[in-house]
Amino acid sequence: MNNSGRNRTLVPEAKEGLNRLKTEVASEIGLQNYEGADKGNLSSRQNGSVGGEMVKRMVQNYEQGL
């Protein structure tokens, strides 16, 4: 199975906004300097919490726009 395009951003212009959201969420759940941190030293739970909260917020924003 080829995973080469698995994590690519579909809308390159959104990458900066996604990074800003990731940093904001990480800070709110207590992970300071998340952007510069070695993600391999964080637990799956910590990394998953950031991603999960990002998705939750994106879905909420979309639903509010309907």
Protein backbone atom coordinates (compact mmCIF):
# COMPACT_ATOMS: atom_id res chain seq x y z
CA MET A 1 0.00 0.00 0.00
CA ASN A 2 1.32 3.42 -0.94
CA ASN A 3 1.08 6.03 1.85
CA SER A 4 2.94 8.79 0.03
CA GLY A 5 -0.07 11.17 -0.16
CA ARG A 6 -1.69 10.16 3.08
CA ASN A 7 -1.02 13.32 5.08
CA ARG A 8 -0.90 15.95 2.41
CA THR A 9 -2.98 19.08 2.80
CA LEU A 10 -5.72 19.11 0.17
CA VAL A 11 -5.93 22.91 0.22
CA PRO A 12 -2.37 24.23 0.59
CA GLU A 13 -3.66 27.70 1.47
CA ALA A 14 -5.26 26.21 4.61
CA LYS A 15 -2.00 24.84 6.02
CA GLU A 16 -1.18 28.01 7.98
CA GLY A 17 -4.66 28.11 9.50
CA LEU A 18 -4.47 24.45 10.48
CA ASN A 19 -1.09 24.99 12.14
CA ARG A 20 -2.48 27.98 14.03
CA LEU A 21 -5.48 25.92 15.20
CA LYS A 22 -3.19 23.05 16.23
CA THR A 23 -1.01 25.37 18.32
CA GLU A 24 -4.07 27.01 19.91
CA VAL A 25 -5.67 23.67 20.84
CA ALA A 26 -2.41 22.25 22.20
CA SER A 27 -1.93 25.32 24.38
CA GLU A 28 -5.49 25.10 25.71
CA ILE A 29 -5.03 21.46 26.77
CA GLY A 30 -1.72 22.25 28.47
CA LEU A 31 0.89 21.33 25.86
CA GLN A 32 3.13 24.38 25.68
CA ASN A 33 5.50 24.84 22.70
CA TYR A 34 3.69 22.06 20.82
CA GLU A 35 4.77 23.32 17.41
CA GLY A 36 8.46 23.05 18.31
CA ALA A 37 8.12 19.89 20.41
CA ASP A 38 9.34 16.47 19.34
CA LYS A 39 5.98 14.74 18.81
CA GLY A 40 7.66 11.36 19.25
CA ASN A 41 8.24 12.18 22.91
CA LEU A 42 4.53 12.85 23.51
CA SER A 43 2.05 10.10 24.26
CA SER A 44 -0.50 8.93 21.72
CA ARG A 45 -3.17 10.29 24.04
CA GLN A 46 -1.62 13.78 24.00
CA ASN A 47 -1.20 13.88 20.23
CA GLY A 48 -4.63 12.35 19.70
CA SER A 49 -6.24 14.90 21.99
CA VAL A 50 -4.91 17.73 19.84
CA GLY A 51 -6.12 16.15 16.59
CA GLY A 52 -9.47 15.14 18.06
CA GLU A 53 -10.18 18.60 19.40
CA MET A 54 -9.20 20.13 16.05
CA VAL A 55 -11.69 17.90 14.21
CA LYS A 56 -14.39 18.62 16.80
CA ARG A 57 -13.95 22.37 16.31
CA MET A 58 -13.89 22.12 12.52
CA VAL A 59 -17.15 20.13 12.54
CA GLN A 60 -18.76 22.63 14.93
CA ASN A 61 -17.72 25.54 12.72
CA TYR A 62 -19.09 23.81 9.64
CA GLU A 63 -22.39 23.00 11.33
CA GLN A 64 -22.78 26.59 12.52
CA GLY A 65 -22.31 27.74 8.94
CA LEU A 66 -25.19 25.63 7.65
